[in-house]
PDB file of N, CA and C in Angstrom:
ATOM      1  N   UNK A   1     -24.196 -44.616 -71.351  1.00  0.00           N
ATOM      2  CA  UNK A   1     -24.338 -44.907 -73.219  1.00  0.00           C
ATOM      3  C   UNK A   1     -23.159 -44.600 -74.097  1.00  0.00           C
ATOM      4  N   UNK A   2     -22.778 -45.557 -74.927  1.00  0.00           N
ATOM      5  CA  UNK A   2     -21.230 -44.747 -75.540  1.00  0.00           C
ATOM      6  C   UNK A   2     -21.798 -44.843 -77.386  1.00  0.00           C
ATOM      7  N   UNK A   3     -23.426 -45.188 -77.972  1.00  0.00           N
ATOM      8  CA  UNK A   3     -23.805 -44.531 -79.191  1.00  0.00           C
ATOM      9  C   UNK A   3     -25.030 -44.250 -78.742  1.00  0.00           C
ATOM     10  N   UNK A   4     -26.207 -43.434 -79.658  1.00  0.00           N
ATOM     11  CA  UNK A   4     -27.055 -43.742 -79.509  1.00  0.00           C
ATOM     12  C   UNK A   4     -27.377 -44.263 -81.191  1.00  0.00           C
ATOM     13  N   UNK A   5     -28.978 -44.519 -80.731  1.00  0.00           N
ATOM     14  CA  UNK A   5     -29.928 -45.689 -81.794  1.00  0.00           C
ATOM     15  C   UNK A   5     -30.872 -44.920 -82.734  1.00  0.00           C
ATOM     16  N   UNK A   6     -31.318 -45.322 -83.686  1.00  0.00           N
ATOM     17  CA  UNK A   6     -31.846 -44.516 -84.468  1.00  0.00           C
ATOM     18  C   UNK A   6     -31.989 -43.674 -84.366  1.00  0.00           C
ATOM     19  N   UNK A   7     -31.188 -42.279 -84.887  1.00  0.00           N
ATOM     20  CA  UNK A   7     -30.808 -40.797 -84.641  1.00  0.00           C
ATOM     21  C   UNK A   7     -31.328 -40.197 -86.225  1.00  0.00           C
ATOM     22  N   UNK A   8     -31.290 -39.058 -86.310  1.00  0.00           N
ATOM     23  CA  UNK A   8     -30.989 -38.613 -87.266  1.00  0.00           C
ATOM     24  C   UNK A   8     -29.843 -37.459 -87.567  1.00  0.00           C
ATOM     25  N   UNK A   9     -29.306 -37.450 -88.334  1.00  0.00           N
ATOM     26  CA  UNK A   9     -27.864 -36.846 -88.013  1.00  0.00           C
ATOM     27  C   UNK A   9     -27.951 -35.710 -89.334  1.00  0.00           C
ATOM     28  N   UNK A  10     -27.876 -34.387 -88.946  1.00  0.00           N
ATOM     29  CA  UNK A  10     -27.654 -33.327 -89.770  1.00  0.00           C
ATOM     30  C   UNK A  10     -26.137 -33.837 -91.012  1.00  0.00           C
ATOM     31  N   UNK A  11     -26.455 -33.560 -92.171  1.00  0.00           N
ATOM     32  CA  UNK A  11     -24.841 -33.669 -93.082  1.00  0.00           C
ATOM     33  C   UNK A  11     -24.305 -32.724 -93.155  1.00  0.00           C
ATOM     34  N   UNK A  12     -24.271 -31.876 -92.556  1.00  0.00           N
ATOM     35  CA  UNK A  12     -23.230 -30.851 -92.749  1.00  0.00           C
ATOM     36  C   UNK A  12     -22.807 -30.508 -90.916  1.00  0.00           C
ATOM     37  N   UNK A  13     -22.011 -30.075 -91.331  1.00  0.00           N
ATOM     38  CA  UNK A  13     -20.686 -29.744 -90.034  1.00  0.00           C
ATOM     39  C   UNK A  13     -21.452 -28.233 -89.441  1.00  0.00           C
ATOM     40  N   UNK A  14     -21.046 -28.513 -87.953  1.00  0.00           N
ATOM     41  CA  UNK A  14     -21.230 -27.335 -87.503  1.00  0.00           C
ATOM     42  C   UNK A  14     -19.753 -26.713 -87.442  1.00  0.00           C
ATOM     43  N   UNK A  15     -19.477 -25.559 -87.913  1.00  0.00           N
ATOM     44  CA  UNK A  15     -17.844 -25.409 -87.732  1.00  0.00           C
ATOM     45  C   UNK A  15     -17.638 -23.973 -86.778  1.00  0.00           C
ATOM     46  N   UNK A  16     -16.859 -23.709 -86.154  1.00  0.00           N
ATOM     47  CA  UNK A  16     -16.818 -22.442 -84.877  1.00  0.00           C
ATOM     48  C   UNK A  16     -15.276 -22.814 -84.759  1.00  0.00           C
ATOM     49  N   UNK A  17     -15.693 -21.013 -84.772  1.00  0.00           N
ATOM     50  CA  UNK A  17     -13.963 -20.449 -84.144  1.00  0.00           C
ATOM     51  C   UNK A  17     -12.802 -21.144 -85.621  1.00  0.00           C
ATOM     52  N   UNK A  18     -12.940 -20.540 -86.525  1.00  0.00           N
ATOM     53  CA  UNK A  18     -12.190 -21.245 -87.243  1.00  0.00           C
ATOM     54  C   UNK A  18     -11.570 -22.765 -87.573  1.00  0.00           C
ATOM     55  N   UNK A  19     -12.861 -23.598 -87.340  1.00  0.00           N
ATOM     56  CA  UNK A  19     -12.576 -25.354 -87.672  1.00  0.00           C
ATOM     57  C   UNK A  19     -11.950 -25.246 -86.025  1.00  0.00           C
ATOM     58  N   UNK A  20     -12.144 -25.029 -84.799  1.00  0.00           N
ATOM     59  CA  UNK A  20     -11.378 -25.191 -83.885  1.00  0.00           C
ATOM     60  C   UNK A  20     -12.565 -25.810 -82.812  1.00  0.00           C
ATOM     61  N   UNK A  21     -13.834 -25.424 -83.585  1.00  0.00           N
ATOM     62  CA  UNK A  21     -14.450 -26.633 -82.664  1.00  0.00           C
ATOM     63  C   UNK A  21     -15.955 -27.423 -84.208  1.00  0.00           C
ATOM     64  N   UNK A  22     -15.637 -28.386 -83.706  1.00  0.00           N
ATOM     65  CA  UNK A  22     -16.468 -29.003 -85.263  1.00  0.00           C
ATOM     66  C   UNK A  22     -17.355 -30.230 -84.360  1.00  0.00           C
ATOM     67  N   UNK A  23     -18.954 -29.874 -84.633  1.00  0.00           N
ATOM     68  CA  UNK A  23     -20.120 -30.710 -84.280  1.00  0.00           C
ATOM     69  C   UNK A  23     -20.547 -31.235 -85.437  1.00  0.00           C
ATOM     70  N   UNK A  24     -22.061 -32.336 -85.057  1.00  0.00           N
ATOM     71  CA  UNK A  24     -22.772 -32.482 -85.604  1.00  0.00           C
ATOM     72  C   UNK A  24     -24.135 -32.752 -84.510  1.00  0.00           C
ATOM     73  N   UNK A  25     -25.246 -32.554 -85.347  1.00  0.00           N
ATOM     74  CA  UNK A  25     -26.540 -31.878 -84.815  1.00  0.00           C
ATOM     75  C   UNK A  25     -27.481 -33.691 -84.994  1.00  0.00           C
ATOM     76  N   UNK A  26     -27.687 -34.022 -83.831  1.00  0.00           N
ATOM     77  CA  UNK A  26     -28.593 -34.880 -83.714  1.00  0.00           C
ATOM     78  C   UNK A  26     -30.151 -34.875 -83.369  1.00  0.00           C
ATOM     79  N   UNK A  27     -30.767 -35.361 -83.960  1.00  0.00           N
ATOM     80  CA  UNK A  27     -32.350 -35.630 -83.293  1.00  0.00           C
ATOM     81  C   UNK A  27     -32.504 -36.974 -83.119  1.00  0.00           C
ATOM     82  N   UNK A  28     -33.145 -37.049 -81.488  1.00  0.00           N
ATOM     83  CA  UNK A  28     -33.113 -38.555 -81.460  1.00  0.00           C
ATOM     84  C   UNK A  28     -34.770 -39.160 -81.717  1.00  0.00           C
ATOM     85  N   UNK A  29     -35.532 -40.375 -81.403  1.00  0.00           N
ATOM     86  CA  UNK A  29     -36.396 -40.847 -82.040  1.00  0.00           C
ATOM     87  C   UNK A  29     -37.703 -39.719 -81.143  1.00  0.00           C
ATOM     88  N   UNK A  30     -37.408 -39.207 -80.028  1.00  0.00           N
ATOM     89  CA  UNK A  30     -38.169 -38.559 -78.969  1.00  0.00           C
ATOM     90  C   UNK A  30     -38.276 -37.353 -78.811  1.00  0.00           C
ATOM     91  N   UNK A  31     -37.749 -36.868 -80.264  1.00  0.00           N
ATOM     92  CA  UNK A  31     -37.411 -35.572 -80.477  1.00  0.00           C
ATOM     93  C   UNK A  31     -36.598 -34.196 -79.781  1.00  0.00           C
ATOM     94  N   UNK A  32     -35.588 -35.017 -79.050  1.00  0.00           N
ATOM     95  CA  UNK A  32     -34.762 -34.319 -78.055  1.00  0.00           C
ATOM     96  C   UNK A  32     -33.911 -33.571 -79.519  1.00  0.00           C
ATOM     97  N   UNK A  33     -33.112 -32.877 -78.961  1.00  0.00           N
ATOM     98  CA  UNK A  33     -31.558 -32.321 -79.901  1.00  0.00           C
ATOM     99  C   UNK A  33     -30.590 -32.662 -78.849  1.00  0.00           C
ATOM    100  N   UNK A  34     -29.072 -32.797 -79.860  1.00  0.00           N
ATOM    101  CA  UNK A  34     -28.440 -32.604 -79.529  1.00  0.00           C
ATOM    102  C   UNK A  34     -27.095 -32.635 -80.048  1.00  0.00           C
ATOM    103  N   UNK A  35     -25.664 -32.266 -79.825  1.00  0.00           N
ATOM    104  CA  UNK A  35     -24.560 -32.299 -80.598  1.00  0.00           C
ATOM    105  C   UNK A  35     -23.395 -33.066 -79.768  1.00  0.00           C
ATOM    106  N   UNK A  36     -22.570 -33.479 -81.548  1.00  0.00           N
ATOM    107  CA  UNK A  36     -21.620 -34.548 -80.940  1.00  0.00           C
ATOM    108  C   UNK A  36     -20.284 -33.797 -81.495  1.00  0.00           C
ATOM    109  N   UNK A  37     -19.152 -33.515 -80.792  1.00  0.00           N
ATOM    110  CA  UNK A  37     -18.249 -32.964 -81.416  1.00  0.00           C
ATOM    111  C   UNK A  37     -17.318 -32.686 -80.532  1.00  0.00           C
ATOM    112  N   UNK A  38     -15.791 -32.452 -81.442  1.00  0.00           N
ATOM    113  CA  UNK A  38     -15.211 -32.213 -81.283  1.00  0.00           C
ATOM    114  C   UNK A  38     -14.306 -30.702 -81.176  1.00  0.00           C
ATOM    115  N   UNK A  39     -13.760 -30.326 -79.681  1.00  0.00           N
ATOM    116  CA  UNK A  39     -12.926 -28.863 -79.661  1.00  0.00           C
ATOM    117  C   UNK A  39     -11.331 -28.791 -79.470  1.00  0.00           C
ATOM    118  N   UNK A  40     -10.682 -28.596 -80.202  1.00  0.00           N
ATOM    119  CA  UNK A  40      -9.191 -28.494 -80.177  1.00  0.00           C
ATOM    120  C   UNK A  40      -8.666 -27.534 -79.254  1.00  0.00           C
ATOM    121  N   UNK A  41      -7.590 -27.909 -78.833  1.00  0.00           N
ATOM    122  CA  UNK A  41      -6.962 -26.596 -77.600  1.00  0.00           C
ATOM    123  C   UNK A  41      -7.067 -25.383 -78.227  1.00  0.00           C
ATOM    124  N   UNK A  42      -7.388 -24.491 -77.296  1.00  0.00           N
ATOM    125  CA  UNK A  42      -7.826 -23.279 -77.262  1.00  0.00           C
ATOM    126  C   UNK A  42      -8.535 -22.369 -76.499  1.00  0.00           C
ATOM    127  N   UNK A  43      -8.377 -21.313 -76.549  1.00  0.00           N
ATOM    128  CA  UNK A  43      -9.273 -20.545 -75.309  1.00  0.00           C
ATOM    129  C   UNK A  43     -10.675 -20.419 -76.369  1.00  0.00           C
ATOM    130  N   UNK A  44     -11.642 -20.436 -75.803  1.00  0.00           N
ATOM    131  CA  UNK A  44     -12.887 -19.840 -76.395  1.00  0.00           C
ATOM    132  C   UNK A  44     -14.078 -19.460 -75.756  1.00  0.00           C
ATOM    133  N   UNK A  45     -14.968 -18.813 -75.827  1.00  0.00           N
ATOM    134  CA  UNK A  45     -16.131 -18.701 -75.265  1.00  0.00           C
ATOM    135  C   UNK A  45     -17.293 -18.238 -76.033  1.00  0.00           C
ATOM    136  N   UNK A  46     -18.378 -19.564 -75.484  1.00  0.00           N
ATOM    137  CA  UNK A  46     -19.318 -20.010 -76.245  1.00  0.00           C
ATOM    138  C   UNK A  46     -20.711 -18.833 -75.469  1.00  0.00           C
ATOM    139  N   UNK A  47     -21.796 -18.849 -76.275  1.00  0.00           N
ATOM    140  CA  UNK A  47     -23.465 -18.168 -75.882  1.00  0.00           C
ATOM    141  C   UNK A  47     -24.073 -19.578 -76.094  1.00  0.00           C
ATOM    142  N   UNK A  48     -24.937 -19.303 -74.572  1.00  0.00           N
ATOM    143  CA  UNK A  48     -26.265 -20.468 -74.666  1.00  0.00           C
ATOM    144  C   UNK A  48     -27.530 -20.131 -75.057  1.00  0.00           C
ATOM    145  N   UNK A  49     -28.484 -20.428 -75.808  1.00  0.00           N
ATOM    146  CA  UNK A  49     -30.067 -19.584 -75.970  1.00  0.00           C
ATOM    147  C   UNK A  49     -30.647 -20.723 -74.918  1.00  0.00           C
ATOM    148  N   UNK A  50     -30.626 -21.928 -74.961  1.00  0.00           N
ATOM    149  CA  UNK A  50     -31.033 -22.687 -74.237  1.00  0.00           C
ATOM    150  C   UNK A  50     -29.961 -23.150 -73.089  1.00  0.00           C
ATOM    151  N   UNK A  51     -30.561 -24.057 -72.023  1.00  0.00           N
ATOM    152  CA  UNK A  51     -29.578 -24.764 -71.168  1.00  0.00           C
ATOM    153  C   UNK A  51     -29.159 -25.679 -71.735  1.00  0.00           C
ATOM    154  N   UNK A  52     -27.793 -25.982 -71.219  1.00  0.00           N
ATOM    155  CA  UNK A  52     -27.102 -27.100 -71.608  1.00  0.00           C
ATOM    156  C   UNK A  52     -26.216 -27.742 -70.619  1.00  0.00           C
ATOM    157  N   UNK A  53     -26.191 -29.116 -71.042  1.00  0.00           N
ATOM    158  CA  UNK A  53     -25.107 -29.668 -70.361  1.00  0.00           C
ATOM    159  C   UNK A  53     -24.256 -30.447 -71.284  1.00  0.00           C
ATOM    160  N   UNK A  54     -23.151 -30.025 -70.770  1.00  0.00           N
ATOM    161  CA  UNK A  54     -21.740 -30.381 -71.530  1.00  0.00           C
ATOM    162  C   UNK A  54     -21.357 -31.871 -70.933  1.00  0.00           C
ATOM    163  N   UNK A  55     -21.594 -33.017 -71.555  1.00  0.00           N
ATOM    164  CA  UNK A  55     -21.069 -34.229 -71.093  1.00  0.00           C
ATOM    165  C   UNK A  55     -19.336 -34.320 -72.300  1.00  0.00           C
ATOM    166  N   UNK A  56     -18.539 -34.217 -71.230  1.00  0.00           N
ATOM    167  CA  UNK A  56     -17.511 -34.902 -72.080  1.00  0.00           C
ATOM    168  C   UNK A  56     -16.790 -36.082 -71.969  1.00  0.00           C
ATOM    169  N   UNK A  57     -16.806 -36.810 -73.193  1.00  0.00           N
ATOM    170  CA  UNK A  57     -16.549 -38.066 -73.284  1.00  0.00           C
ATOM    171  C   UNK A  57     -14.922 -38.361 -73.322  1.00  0.00           C
ATOM    172  N   UNK A  58     -13.972 -37.569 -73.278  1.00  0.00           N
ATOM    173  CA  UNK A  58     -12.599 -38.019 -73.547  1.00  0.00           C
ATOM    174  C   UNK A  58     -11.689 -36.303 -73.758  1.00  0.00           C
ATOM    175  N   UNK A  59     -10.735 -36.250 -73.044  1.00  0.00           N
ATOM    176  CA  UNK A  59     -10.168 -35.003 -72.912  1.00  0.00           C
ATOM    177  C   UNK A  59     -10.327 -34.060 -71.688  1.00  0.00           C
ATOM    178  N   UNK A  60      -9.660 -33.299 -72.186  1.00  0.00           N
ATOM    179  CA  UNK A  60      -9.766 -31.990 -70.397  1.00  0.00           C
ATOM    180  C   UNK A  60      -9.413 -30.369 -70.921  1.00  0.00           C
ATOM    181  N   UNK A  61     -10.213 -30.283 -69.536  1.00  0.00           N
ATOM    182  CA  UNK A  61     -10.504 -28.220 -70.047  1.00  0.00           C
ATOM    183  C   UNK A  61     -11.242 -27.695 -68.954  1.00  0.00           C
ATOM    184  N   UNK A  62     -10.513 -26.171 -68.839  1.00  0.00           N
ATOM    185  CA  UNK A  62     -11.402 -25.776 -67.931  1.00  0.00           C
ATOM    186  C   UNK A  62     -12.587 -24.677 -68.219  1.00  0.00           C
ATOM    187  N   UNK A  63     -13.110 -24.468 -67.216  1.00  0.00           N
ATOM    188  CA  UNK A  63     -14.321 -24.066 -67.699  1.00  0.00           C
ATOM    189  C   UNK A  63     -15.009 -22.525 -66.575  1.00  0.00           C
ATOM    190  N   UNK A  64     -15.109 -21.647 -66.885  1.00  0.00           N
ATOM    191  CA  UNK A  64     -15.239 -20.599 -66.285  1.00  0.00           C
ATOM    192  C   UNK A  64     -16.981 -19.821 -66.795  1.00  0.00           C
ATOM    193  N   UNK A  65     -18.209 -20.545 -66.064  1.00  0.00           N
ATOM    194  CA  UNK A  65     -19.500 -19.651 -66.217  1.00  0.00           C
ATOM    195  C   UNK A  65     -19.227 -18.443 -65.785  1.00  0.00           C
ATOM    196  N   UNK A  66     -20.408 -17.674 -66.807  1.00  0.00           N
ATOM    197  CA  UNK A  66     -20.630 -16.676 -67.004  1.00  0.00           C
ATOM    198  C   UNK A  66     -21.002 -16.059 -65.497  1.00  0.00           C
ATOM    199  N   UNK A  67     -20.320 -14.754 -65.092  1.00  0.00           N
ATOM    200  CA  UNK A  67     -20.115 -14.780 -63.546  1.00  0.00           C
ATOM    201  C   UNK A  67     -19.501 -14.840 -62.914  1.00  0.00           C
ATOM    202  N   UNK A  68     -19.243 -15.847 -63.192  1.00  0.00           N
ATOM    203  CA  UNK A  68     -18.176 -16.320 -62.072  1.00  0.00           C
ATOM    204  C   UNK A  68     -16.602 -16.229 -62.577  1.00  0.00           C
ATOM    205  N   UNK A  69     -15.428 -16.444 -61.472  1.00  0.00           N
ATOM    206  CA  UNK A  69     -13.984 -15.669 -61.920  1.00  0.00           C
ATOM    207  C   UNK A  69     -12.837 -17.099 -62.064  1.00  0.00           C
ATOM    208  N   UNK A  70     -13.387 -18.100 -61.146  1.00  0.00           N
ATOM    209  CA  UNK A  70     -12.370 -19.226 -60.833  1.00  0.00           C
ATOM    210  C   UNK A  70     -12.863 -20.210 -61.984  1.00  0.00           C
ATOM    211  N   UNK A  71     -11.847 -21.018 -62.614  1.00  0.00           N
ATOM    212  CA  UNK A  71     -12.028 -22.093 -63.920  1.00  0.00           C
ATOM    213  C   UNK A  71     -12.617 -23.107 -62.687  1.00  0.00           C
ATOM    214  N   UNK A  72     -13.558 -24.314 -63.627  1.00  0.00           N
ATOM    215  CA  UNK A  72     -13.194 -25.449 -62.857  1.00  0.00           C
ATOM    216  C   UNK A  72     -12.438 -26.307 -64.017  1.00  0.00           C
ATOM    217  N   UNK A  73     -11.997 -27.246 -63.723  1.00  0.00           N
ATOM    218  CA  UNK A  73     -11.429 -28.048 -64.329  1.00  0.00           C
ATOM    219  C   UNK A  73     -12.542 -29.373 -64.723  1.00  0.00           C
ATOM    220  N   UNK A  74     -12.565 -29.974 -65.623  1.00  0.00           N
ATOM    221  CA  UNK A  74     -13.175 -31.104 -65.896  1.00  0.00           C
ATOM    222  C   UNK A  74     -12.415 -32.173 -67.122  1.00  0.00           C
ATOM    223  N   UNK A  75     -12.865 -33.225 -67.016  1.00  0.00           N
ATOM    224  CA  UNK A  75     -11.676 -34.218 -68.011  1.00  0.00           C
ATOM    225  C   UNK A  75     -13.406 -35.453 -68.635  1.00  0.00           C
ATOM    226  N   UNK A  76     -13.014 -36.385 -68.980  1.00  0.00           N
ATOM    227  CA  UNK A  76     -13.277 -37.479 -69.738  1.00  0.00           C
ATOM    228  C   UNK A  76     -14.226 -37.648 -68.588  1.00  0.00           C
ATOM    229  N   UNK A  77     -15.464 -38.158 -68.948  1.00  0.00           N
ATOM    230  CA  UNK A  77     -16.612 -39.159 -67.575  1.00  0.00           C
ATOM    231  C   UNK A  77     -17.531 -37.632 -66.762  1.00  0.00           C
ATOM    232  N   UNK A  78     -17.045 -36.420 -66.839  1.00  0.00           N
ATOM    233  CA  UNK A  78     -17.665 -35.551 -66.333  1.00  0.00           C
ATOM    234  C   UNK A  78     -18.311 -34.918 -66.923  1.00  0.00           C
ATOM    235  N   UNK A  79     -19.346 -33.903 -66.756  1.00  0.00           N
ATOM    236  CA  UNK A  79     -19.732 -33.204 -67.377  1.00  0.00           C
ATOM    237  C   UNK A  79     -20.120 -31.663 -66.291  1.00  0.00           C
ATOM    238  N   UNK A  80     -20.882 -30.704 -67.005  1.00  0.00           N
ATOM    239  CA  UNK A  80     -20.574 -29.369 -66.702  1.00  0.00           C
ATOM    240  C   UNK A  80     -22.341 -28.743 -67.371  1.00  0.00           C
ATOM    241  N   UNK A  81     -23.004 -27.750 -66.345  1.00  0.00           N
ATOM    242  CA  UNK A  81     -24.023 -27.569 -66.774  1.00  0.00           C
ATOM    243  C   UNK A  81     -24.294 -25.935 -67.049  1.00  0.00           C
ATOM    244  N   UNK A  82     -24.638 -25.188 -67.970  1.00  0.00           N
ATOM    245  CA  UNK A  82     -24.669 -24.025 -68.467  1.00  0.00           C
ATOM    246  C   UNK A  82     -26.370 -23.395 -68.603  1.00  0.00           C
ATOM    247  N   UNK A  83     -26.407 -22.701 -67.712  1.00  0.00           N
ATOM    248  CA  UNK A  83     -27.851 -22.098 -68.461  1.00  0.00           C
ATOM    249  C   UNK A  83     -28.342 -21.337 -69.428  1.00  0.00           C
ATOM    250  N   UNK A  84     -29.522 -21.537 -69.737  1.00  0.00           N
ATOM    251  CA  UNK A  84     -29.558 -20.779 -71.344  1.00  0.00           C
ATOM    252  C   UNK A  84     -29.282 -18.906 -71.219  1.00  0.00           C
ATOM    253  N   UNK A  85     -29.067 -18.841 -71.790  1.00  0.00           N
ATOM    254  CA  UNK A  85     -29.168 -17.190 -72.738  1.00  0.00           C
ATOM    255  C   UNK A  85     -28.013 -16.560 -71.356  1.00  0.00           C
ATOM    256  N   UNK A  86     -26.936 -17.497 -71.515  1.00  0.00           N
ATOM    257  CA  UNK A  86     -25.832 -17.297 -70.786  1.00  0.00           C
ATOM    258  C   UNK A  86     -24.597 -17.620 -71.806  1.00  0.00           C
ATOM    259  N   UNK A  87     -23.168 -17.656 -71.159  1.00  0.00           N
ATOM    260  CA  UNK A  87     -21.969 -18.006 -72.320  1.00  0.00           C
ATOM    261  C   UNK A  87     -20.996 -18.750 -71.183  1.00  0.00           C
ATOM    262  N   UNK A  88     -20.642 -19.161 -71.075  1.00  0.00           N
ATOM    263  CA  UNK A  88     -18.670 -19.807 -70.790  1.00  0.00           C
ATOM    264  C   UNK A  88     -17.528 -19.643 -71.481  1.00  0.00           C
ATOM    265  N   UNK A  89     -16.796 -19.650 -70.801  1.00  0.00           N
ATOM    266  CA  UNK A  89     -15.201 -19.742 -71.683  1.00  0.00           C
ATOM    267  C   UNK A  89     -14.282 -20.682 -71.228  1.00  0.00           C
ATOM    268  N   UNK A  90     -14.010 -21.418 -72.171  1.00  0.00           N
ATOM    269  CA  UNK A  90     -13.513 -22.703 -72.256  1.00  0.00           C
ATOM    270  C   UNK A  90     -11.842 -22.794 -72.260  1.00  0.00           C
ATOM    271  N   UNK A  91     -11.321 -23.278 -72.249  1.00  0.00           N
ATOM    272  CA  UNK A  91      -9.996 -23.485 -71.866  1.00  0.00           C
ATOM    273  C   UNK A  91      -9.604 -24.825 -72.360  1.00  0.00           C
ATOM    274  N   UNK A  92      -9.564 -25.320 -73.395  1.00  0.00           N
ATOM    275  CA  UNK A  92      -9.198 -26.596 -73.875  1.00  0.00           C
ATOM    276  C   UNK A  92      -7.613 -27.053 -74.242  1.00  0.00           C
ATOM    277  N   UNK A  93      -7.497 -27.818 -72.338  1.00  0.00           N
ATOM    278  CA  UNK A  93      -6.324 -29.035 -72.665  1.00  0.00           C
ATOM    279  C   UNK A  93      -5.620 -29.536 -73.436  1.00  0.00           C
ATOM    280  N   UNK A  94      -6.767 -30.434 -73.709  1.00  0.00           N
ATOM    281  CA  UNK A  94      -6.848 -31.340 -74.516  1.00  0.00           C
ATOM    282  C   UNK A  94      -7.702 -31.928 -75.130  1.00  0.00           C
ATOM    283  N   UNK A  95      -7.542 -32.168 -76.695  1.00  0.00           N
ATOM    284  CA  UNK A  95      -8.627 -32.159 -77.643  1.00  0.00           C
ATOM    285  C   UNK A  95     -10.143 -32.896 -76.717  1.00  0.00           C
ATOM    286  N   UNK A  96     -10.969 -32.077 -76.513  1.00  0.00           N
ATOM    287  CA  UNK A  96     -12.211 -32.624 -75.941  1.00  0.00           C
ATOM    288  C   UNK A  96     -13.732 -33.218 -76.639  1.00  0.00           C
ATOM    289  N   UNK A  97     -13.660 -34.271 -76.529  1.00  0.00           N
ATOM    290  CA  UNK A  97     -14.635 -35.194 -77.654  1.00  0.00           C
ATOM    291  C   UNK A  97     -15.970 -34.891 -76.441  1.00  0.00           C
ATOM    292  N   UNK A  98     -17.264 -34.451 -77.056  1.00  0.00           N
ATOM    293  CA  UNK A  98     -18.189 -33.946 -76.497  1.00  0.00           C
ATOM    294  C   UNK A  98     -19.671 -34.062 -76.605  1.00  0.00           C
ATOM    295  N   UNK A  99     -20.623 -34.608 -75.630  1.00  0.00           N
ATOM    296  CA  UNK A  99     -21.683 -34.819 -76.269  1.00  0.00           C
ATOM    297  C   UNK A  99     -22.570 -33.464 -75.494  1.00  0.00           C
ATOM    298  N   UNK A 100     -23.595 -32.354 -76.550  1.00  0.00           N
ATOM    299  CA  UNK A 100     -23.957 -31.331 -75.449  1.00  0.00           C
ATOM    300  C   UNK A 100     -25.415 -31.877 -75.932  1.00  0.00           C
ATOM    301  N   UNK A 101     -26.183 -31.590 -74.631  1.00  0.00           N
ATOM    302  CA  UNK A 101     -27.555 -32.405 -74.225  1.00  0.00           C
ATOM    303  C   UNK A 101     -27.940 -30.726 -74.111  1.00  0.00           C
ATOM    304  N   UNK A 102     -29.209 -30.517 -75.365  1.00  0.00           N
ATOM    305  CA  UNK A 102     -30.305 -29.245 -74.472  1.00  0.00           C
ATOM    306  C   UNK A 102     -31.042 -29.128 -74.253  1.00  0.00           C
ATOM    307  N   UNK A 103     -31.596 -28.112 -73.365  1.00  0.00           N
ATOM    308  CA  UNK A 103     -33.118 -28.066 -72.874  1.00  0.00           C
ATOM    309  C   UNK A 103     -33.008 -28.564 -71.325  1.00  0.00           C
TER     310      UNK A 103
END
């Protein structure tokens, strides 16, 4: 799917890590929440409340999930899952466009 139909979009962007990550929150007609954003090349650590699936639209990164020692490389067209109440380190190698699916 290249676009979402009939969604509500928050007007104010979510800006993290001094602007290295910028996203917008979406709510779909069925009540599910997602965010759509971009992460600039950087090494960052994110924490999760709910489980997340990070769908990578374009770009590339290396991800190390909490409790793991070896990073896994992902690129556009791939995705990875992160448990709730956890964290992950991400090293963005090439500007990363993503959709984060919650729950």
